[in-house]
């Protein structure tokens, strides 16, 4: 049973941008369909048919415009949101990232940290933000893939919680993890 779960769902946006955002890169899902990926019957939980431990932690990436949707998914999957981890992005030139947004231009990504039961935290000194230069983590515009997360994020997750570890909507295979995703590539 998996104790640590990372998920970056293929959120379907409620705007009219069409294929400019995530939908230009992969098939997106409505919040209802993401919620339905979990089976919480009989006190046991599976997500995408993967068994989840009674004491588990979920790292759920969300987009700014769909905060409530992310809360709904965490609850539907049997988790209670406790905090969040923020990735402050920089460009390949070390400048502040200038992303998309309807009111404010995003320079960060947020990951909800939710628990089920009483998972044991290994390190209580981890900060709630981390900064990466996009070129250092392989996410420059020329080389990166939409929605890929930096290696620093996975180091943080591994320093906080033991496995077994599961990544849903994964972009690549990762040693010591079970990685599931439509576009999962071999380890880089």
C-alpha atoms as a PDB file:
ATOM      1  CA  UNK A   1       0.000   0.000   0.000  1.00  0.00           C
ATOM      2  CA  UNK A   2       1.252   3.449  -0.906  1.00  0.00           C
ATOM      3  CA  UNK A   3       2.080   5.861   1.910  1.00  0.00           C
ATOM      4  CA  UNK A   4       3.156   8.854  -0.182  1.00  0.00           C
ATOM      5  CA  UNK A   5       1.213   9.995  -3.238  1.00  0.00           C
ATOM      6  CA  UNK A   6       2.050  12.812  -5.662  1.00  0.00           C
ATOM      7  CA  UNK A   7      -0.616  13.876  -8.157  1.00  0.00           C
ATOM      8  CA  UNK A   8      -0.659  16.616 -10.765  1.00  0.00           C
ATOM      9  CA  UNK A   9      -4.090  16.090 -12.324  1.00  0.00           C
ATOM     10  CA  UNK A  10      -4.824  17.181 -15.852  1.00  0.00           C
ATOM     11  CA  UNK A  11      -7.185  19.954 -14.732  1.00  0.00           C
ATOM     12  CA  UNK A  12      -9.737  21.066 -17.329  1.00  0.00           C
ATOM     13  CA  UNK A  13     -10.075  24.832 -17.222  1.00  0.00           C
ATOM     14  CA  UNK A  14     -13.421  26.577 -17.202  1.00  0.00           C
ATOM     15  CA  UNK A  15     -12.279  29.371 -19.518  1.00  0.00           C
ATOM     16  CA  UNK A  16     -12.307  29.882 -23.265  1.00  0.00           C
ATOM     17  CA  UNK A  17      -8.556  29.840 -23.862  1.00  0.00           C
ATOM     18  CA  UNK A  18      -8.896  26.558 -25.726  1.00  0.00           C
ATOM     19  CA  UNK A  19      -5.643  24.917 -26.629  1.00  0.00           C
ATOM     20  CA  UNK A  20      -3.384  27.719 -25.362  1.00  0.00           C
ATOM     21  CA  UNK A  21      -2.785  26.130 -21.954  1.00  0.00           C
ATOM     22  CA  UNK A  22      -2.669  22.557 -20.723  1.00  0.00           C
ATOM     23  CA  UNK A  23      -5.073  21.261 -23.367  1.00  0.00           C
ATOM     24  CA  UNK A  24      -2.445  22.022 -26.006  1.00  0.00           C
ATOM     25  CA  UNK A  25      -0.203  19.440 -24.339  1.00  0.00           C
ATOM     26  CA  UNK A  26      -2.432  16.613 -23.072  1.00  0.00           C
ATOM     27  CA  UNK A  27      -6.016  15.477 -22.529  1.00  0.00           C
ATOM     28  CA  UNK A  28      -7.605  17.274 -19.579  1.00  0.00           C
ATOM     29  CA  UNK A  29     -10.262  16.055 -17.147  1.00  0.00           C
ATOM     30  CA  UNK A  30     -13.227  17.667 -15.402  1.00  0.00           C
ATOM     31  CA  UNK A  31     -13.013  17.886 -11.605  1.00  0.00           C
ATOM     32  CA  UNK A  32     -15.839  15.367 -11.235  1.00  0.00           C
ATOM     33  CA  UNK A  33     -13.889  12.805 -13.275  1.00  0.00           C
ATOM     34  CA  UNK A  34     -10.721  13.382 -11.240  1.00  0.00           C
ATOM     35  CA  UNK A  35     -12.724  12.875  -8.037  1.00  0.00           C
ATOM     36  CA  UNK A  36     -14.068   9.597  -9.425  1.00  0.00           C
ATOM     37  CA  UNK A  37     -10.551   8.148  -9.773  1.00  0.00           C
ATOM     38  CA  UNK A  38     -10.735   7.141  -6.100  1.00  0.00           C
ATOM     39  CA  UNK A  39     -12.700   4.266  -4.647  1.00  0.00           C
ATOM     40  CA  UNK A  40     -13.244   4.872  -0.937  1.00  0.00           C
ATOM     41  CA  UNK A  41     -15.619   1.986  -0.246  1.00  0.00           C
ATOM     42  CA  UNK A  42     -15.403  -0.200   2.860  1.00  0.00           C
ATOM     43  CA  UNK A  43     -12.812   2.032   4.584  1.00  0.00           C
ATOM     44  CA  UNK A  44     -10.134   1.140   2.061  1.00  0.00           C
ATOM     45  CA  UNK A  45      -8.973   3.608  -0.540  1.00  0.00           C
ATOM     46  CA  UNK A  46      -7.658   3.017  -4.015  1.00  0.00           C
ATOM     47  CA  UNK A  47      -6.786   5.782  -6.439  1.00  0.00           C
ATOM     48  CA  UNK A  48      -6.511   4.764 -10.080  1.00  0.00           C
ATOM     49  CA  UNK A  49      -6.737   1.192  -8.744  1.00  0.00           C
ATOM     50  CA  UNK A  50      -3.640   1.675  -6.538  1.00  0.00           C
ATOM     51  CA  UNK A  51      -4.059   0.776  -2.831  1.00  0.00           C
ATOM     52  CA  UNK A  52      -3.485   3.632  -0.380  1.00  0.00           C
ATOM     53  CA  UNK A  53      -2.276   3.046   3.204  1.00  0.00           C
ATOM     54  CA  UNK A  54      -4.399   4.015   6.209  1.00  0.00           C
ATOM     55  CA  UNK A  55      -1.682   6.541   7.164  1.00  0.00           C
ATOM     56  CA  UNK A  56      -0.749   8.380   3.975  1.00  0.00           C
ATOM     57  CA  UNK A  57       0.185  11.781   2.589  1.00  0.00           C
ATOM     58  CA  UNK A  58      -1.021  13.325  -0.670  1.00  0.00           C
ATOM     59  CA  UNK A  59       0.902  16.053  -2.510  1.00  0.00           C
ATOM     60  CA  UNK A  60      -1.734  17.461  -4.874  1.00  0.00           C
ATOM     61  CA  UNK A  61      -0.644  20.107  -7.385  1.00  0.00           C
ATOM     62  CA  UNK A  62      -3.341  22.663  -8.133  1.00  0.00           C
ATOM     63  CA  UNK A  63      -3.779  25.655 -10.392  1.00  0.00           C
ATOM     64  CA  UNK A  64      -4.643  29.092  -9.018  1.00  0.00           C
ATOM     65  CA  UNK A  65      -8.023  29.317 -10.720  1.00  0.00           C
ATOM     66  CA  UNK A  66      -9.181  25.962  -9.366  1.00  0.00           C
ATOM     67  CA  UNK A  67      -8.511  26.075  -5.657  1.00  0.00           C
ATOM     68  CA  UNK A  68     -11.936  24.735  -4.707  1.00  0.00           C
ATOM     69  CA  UNK A  69     -11.633  21.945  -7.267  1.00  0.00           C
ATOM     70  CA  UNK A  70      -8.370  20.813  -5.664  1.00  0.00           C
ATOM     71  CA  UNK A  71      -9.969  20.836  -2.212  1.00  0.00           C
ATOM     72  CA  UNK A  72     -12.858  18.786  -3.605  1.00  0.00           C
ATOM     73  CA  UNK A  73     -10.461  16.227  -5.122  1.00  0.00           C
ATOM     74  CA  UNK A  74      -8.475  15.871  -1.888  1.00  0.00           C
ATOM     75  CA  UNK A  75     -11.687  15.238   0.062  1.00  0.00           C
ATOM     76  CA  UNK A  76     -13.088  12.819  -2.549  1.00  0.00           C
ATOM     77  CA  UNK A  77      -9.823  10.878  -2.384  1.00  0.00           C
ATOM     78  CA  UNK A  78     -10.145  10.575   1.420  1.00  0.00           C
ATOM     79  CA  UNK A  79      -7.591  13.208   2.486  1.00  0.00           C
ATOM     80  CA  UNK A  80      -7.703  16.336   4.638  1.00  0.00           C
ATOM     81  CA  UNK A  81      -5.641  19.326   3.478  1.00  0.00           C
ATOM     82  CA  UNK A  82      -3.119  20.419   6.127  1.00  0.00           C
ATOM     83  CA  UNK A  83      -0.802  22.892   4.352  1.00  0.00           C
ATOM     84  CA  UNK A  84       0.722  23.708   0.976  1.00  0.00           C
ATOM     85  CA  UNK A  85       4.134  23.774  -0.656  1.00  0.00           C
ATOM     86  CA  UNK A  86       4.915  26.632  -3.051  1.00  0.00           C
ATOM     87  CA  UNK A  87       7.367  26.428  -5.955  1.00  0.00           C
ATOM     88  CA  UNK A  88       8.699  29.887  -6.812  1.00  0.00           C
ATOM     89  CA  UNK A  89       9.844  29.754 -10.420  1.00  0.00           C
ATOM     90  CA  UNK A  90      12.623  31.597 -12.199  1.00  0.00           C
ATOM     91  CA  UNK A  91      13.454  31.793 -15.873  1.00  0.00           C
ATOM     92  CA  UNK A  92      16.546  30.281 -17.451  1.00  0.00           C
ATOM     93  CA  UNK A  93      18.143  33.722 -17.008  1.00  0.00           C
ATOM     94  CA  UNK A  94      17.434  33.762 -13.270  1.00  0.00           C
ATOM     95  CA  UNK A  95      14.629  36.313 -13.504  1.00  0.00           C
ATOM     96  CA  UNK A  96      11.219  35.966 -11.880  1.00  0.00           C
ATOM     97  CA  UNK A  97       8.885  33.732 -13.908  1.00  0.00           C
ATOM     98  CA  UNK A  98       6.026  35.533 -15.682  1.00  0.00           C
ATOM     99  CA  UNK A  99       3.327  32.962 -16.365  1.00  0.00           C
ATOM    100  CA  UNK A 100      -0.330  32.984 -17.340  1.00  0.00           C
ATOM    101  CA  UNK A 101      -3.191  34.305 -15.263  1.00  0.00           C
ATOM    102  CA  UNK A 102      -6.526  36.087 -15.562  1.00  0.00           C
ATOM    103  CA  UNK A 103      -5.987  38.768 -12.922  1.00  0.00           C
ATOM    104  CA  UNK A 104      -2.435  38.153 -11.688  1.00  0.00           C
ATOM    105  CA  UNK A 105       0.420  36.619 -13.684  1.00  0.00           C
ATOM    106  CA  UNK A 106       1.593  33.448 -11.961  1.00  0.00           C
ATOM    107  CA  UNK A 107       5.198  33.062 -10.890  1.00  0.00           C
ATOM    108  CA  UNK A 108       4.587  30.075  -8.665  1.00  0.00           C
ATOM    109  CA  UNK A 109       2.857  26.713  -8.501  1.00  0.00           C
ATOM    110  CA  UNK A 110       1.060  25.436  -5.412  1.00  0.00           C
ATOM    111  CA  UNK A 111       0.917  21.895  -4.103  1.00  0.00           C
ATOM    112  CA  UNK A 112      -1.587  20.997  -1.398  1.00  0.00           C
ATOM    113  CA  UNK A 113      -0.281  18.670   1.294  1.00  0.00           C
ATOM    114  CA  UNK A 114      -3.058  16.494   2.669  1.00  0.00           C
ATOM    115  CA  UNK A 115      -3.125  13.520   5.004  1.00  0.00           C
ATOM    116  CA  UNK A 116      -5.154  10.480   5.802  1.00  0.00           C
ATOM    117  CA  UNK A 117      -4.697   8.923   9.219  1.00  0.00           C
ATOM    118  CA  UNK A 118      -1.460   9.840  10.986  1.00  0.00           C
ATOM    119  CA  UNK A 119       1.530   9.622   8.644  1.00  0.00           C
ATOM    120  CA  UNK A 120       4.925  10.146  10.269  1.00  0.00           C
ATOM    121  CA  UNK A 121       6.847  13.254   9.171  1.00  0.00           C
ATOM    122  CA  UNK A 122      10.596  12.559   9.000  1.00  0.00           C
ATOM    123  CA  UNK A 123      11.803  16.185   8.938  1.00  0.00           C
ATOM    124  CA  UNK A 124      10.008  19.064  10.658  1.00  0.00           C
ATOM    125  CA  UNK A 125      12.433  21.733   9.405  1.00  0.00           C
ATOM    126  CA  UNK A 126      11.254  21.916   5.781  1.00  0.00           C
ATOM    127  CA  UNK A 127      10.102  25.340   4.586  1.00  0.00           C
ATOM    128  CA  UNK A 128       6.807  25.882   2.758  1.00  0.00           C
ATOM    129  CA  UNK A 129       8.481  27.379  -0.338  1.00  0.00           C
ATOM    130  CA  UNK A 130      11.301  26.377  -2.626  1.00  0.00           C
ATOM    131  CA  UNK A 131      12.956  28.207  -5.513  1.00  0.00           C
ATOM    132  CA  UNK A 132      14.456  26.748  -8.661  1.00  0.00           C
ATOM    133  CA  UNK A 133      16.043  28.170 -11.761  1.00  0.00           C
ATOM    134  CA  UNK A 134      14.192  26.529 -14.619  1.00  0.00           C
ATOM    135  CA  UNK A 135      17.355  25.676 -16.547  1.00  0.00           C
ATOM    136  CA  UNK A 136      18.895  23.908 -13.530  1.00  0.00           C
ATOM    137  CA  UNK A 137      15.968  21.540 -13.154  1.00  0.00           C
ATOM    138  CA  UNK A 138      15.546  20.738 -16.842  1.00  0.00           C
ATOM    139  CA  UNK A 139      12.479  22.885 -17.374  1.00  0.00           C
ATOM    140  CA  UNK A 140      13.755  25.537 -19.731  1.00  0.00           C
ATOM    141  CA  UNK A 141      11.429  26.448 -22.581  1.00  0.00           C
ATOM    142  CA  UNK A 142      13.585  24.529 -25.042  1.00  0.00           C
ATOM    143  CA  UNK A 143      13.917  21.304 -23.060  1.00  0.00           C
ATOM    144  CA  UNK A 144      11.040  21.133 -20.591  1.00  0.00           C
ATOM    145  CA  UNK A 145       7.634  19.516 -20.805  1.00  0.00           C
ATOM    146  CA  UNK A 146       4.429  21.232 -19.808  1.00  0.00           C
ATOM    147  CA  UNK A 147       3.544  20.457 -16.186  1.00  0.00           C
ATOM    148  CA  UNK A 148       6.891  18.771 -15.369  1.00  0.00           C
ATOM    149  CA  UNK A 149       7.990  19.348 -11.789  1.00  0.00           C
ATOM    150  CA  UNK A 150      11.572  19.968 -10.639  1.00  0.00           C
ATOM    151  CA  UNK A 151      13.803  17.377  -9.001  1.00  0.00           C
ATOM    152  CA  UNK A 152      13.960  19.558  -5.902  1.00  0.00           C
ATOM    153  CA  UNK A 153      10.264  18.863  -5.292  1.00  0.00           C
ATOM    154  CA  UNK A 154      10.839  15.097  -5.262  1.00  0.00           C
ATOM    155  CA  UNK A 155      13.809  15.501  -2.902  1.00  0.00           C
ATOM    156  CA  UNK A 156      11.552  17.436  -0.526  1.00  0.00           C
ATOM    157  CA  UNK A 157       8.826  14.762  -0.674  1.00  0.00           C
ATOM    158  CA  UNK A 158      11.347  11.967  -0.060  1.00  0.00           C
ATOM    159  CA  UNK A 159      12.902  13.863   2.874  1.00  0.00           C
ATOM    160  CA  UNK A 160       9.489  14.271   4.511  1.00  0.00           C
ATOM    161  CA  UNK A 161       7.787  10.881   4.109  1.00  0.00           C
ATOM    162  CA  UNK A 162       8.723   7.244   3.614  1.00  0.00           C
ATOM    163  CA  UNK A 163       7.436   5.064   0.808  1.00  0.00           C
ATOM    164  CA  UNK A 164       6.161   3.179  -0.883  1.00  0.00           C
ATOM    165  CA  UNK A 165       5.650   6.192  -3.155  1.00  0.00           C
ATOM    166  CA  UNK A 166       3.170   6.651  -6.005  1.00  0.00           C
ATOM    167  CA  UNK A 167       3.020   9.390  -8.636  1.00  0.00           C
ATOM    168  CA  UNK A 168      -0.223   9.816 -10.572  1.00  0.00           C
ATOM    169  CA  UNK A 169      -0.317  11.743 -13.852  1.00  0.00           C
ATOM    170  CA  UNK A 170       3.448  11.255 -13.962  1.00  0.00           C
ATOM    171  CA  UNK A 171       5.551  12.698 -16.760  1.00  0.00           C
ATOM    172  CA  UNK A 172       8.437  10.210 -16.367  1.00  0.00           C
ATOM    173  CA  UNK A 173       9.549   7.120 -14.482  1.00  0.00           C
ATOM    174  CA  UNK A 174      11.430   7.699 -11.228  1.00  0.00           C
ATOM    175  CA  UNK A 175      13.641   5.227  -9.321  1.00  0.00           C
ATOM    176  CA  UNK A 176      11.957   3.909  -6.173  1.00  0.00           C
ATOM    177  CA  UNK A 177       8.516   5.169  -7.212  1.00  0.00           C
ATOM    178  CA  UNK A 178       5.518   3.669  -8.989  1.00  0.00           C
ATOM    179  CA  UNK A 179       4.722   6.196 -11.731  1.00  0.00           C
ATOM    180  CA  UNK A 180       1.455   6.147 -13.668  1.00  0.00           C
ATOM    181  CA  UNK A 181       0.586   8.512 -16.496  1.00  0.00           C
ATOM    182  CA  UNK A 182      -0.517   8.567 -20.123  1.00  0.00           C
ATOM    183  CA  UNK A 183       2.708  10.265 -21.197  1.00  0.00           C
ATOM    184  CA  UNK A 184       5.187   8.670 -18.817  1.00  0.00           C
ATOM    185  CA  UNK A 185       8.666   8.601 -20.308  1.00  0.00           C
ATOM    186  CA  UNK A 186      11.646   6.522 -19.245  1.00  0.00           C
ATOM    187  CA  UNK A 187      13.803   7.958 -16.474  1.00  0.00           C
ATOM    188  CA  UNK A 188      15.976  10.822 -17.653  1.00  0.00           C
END
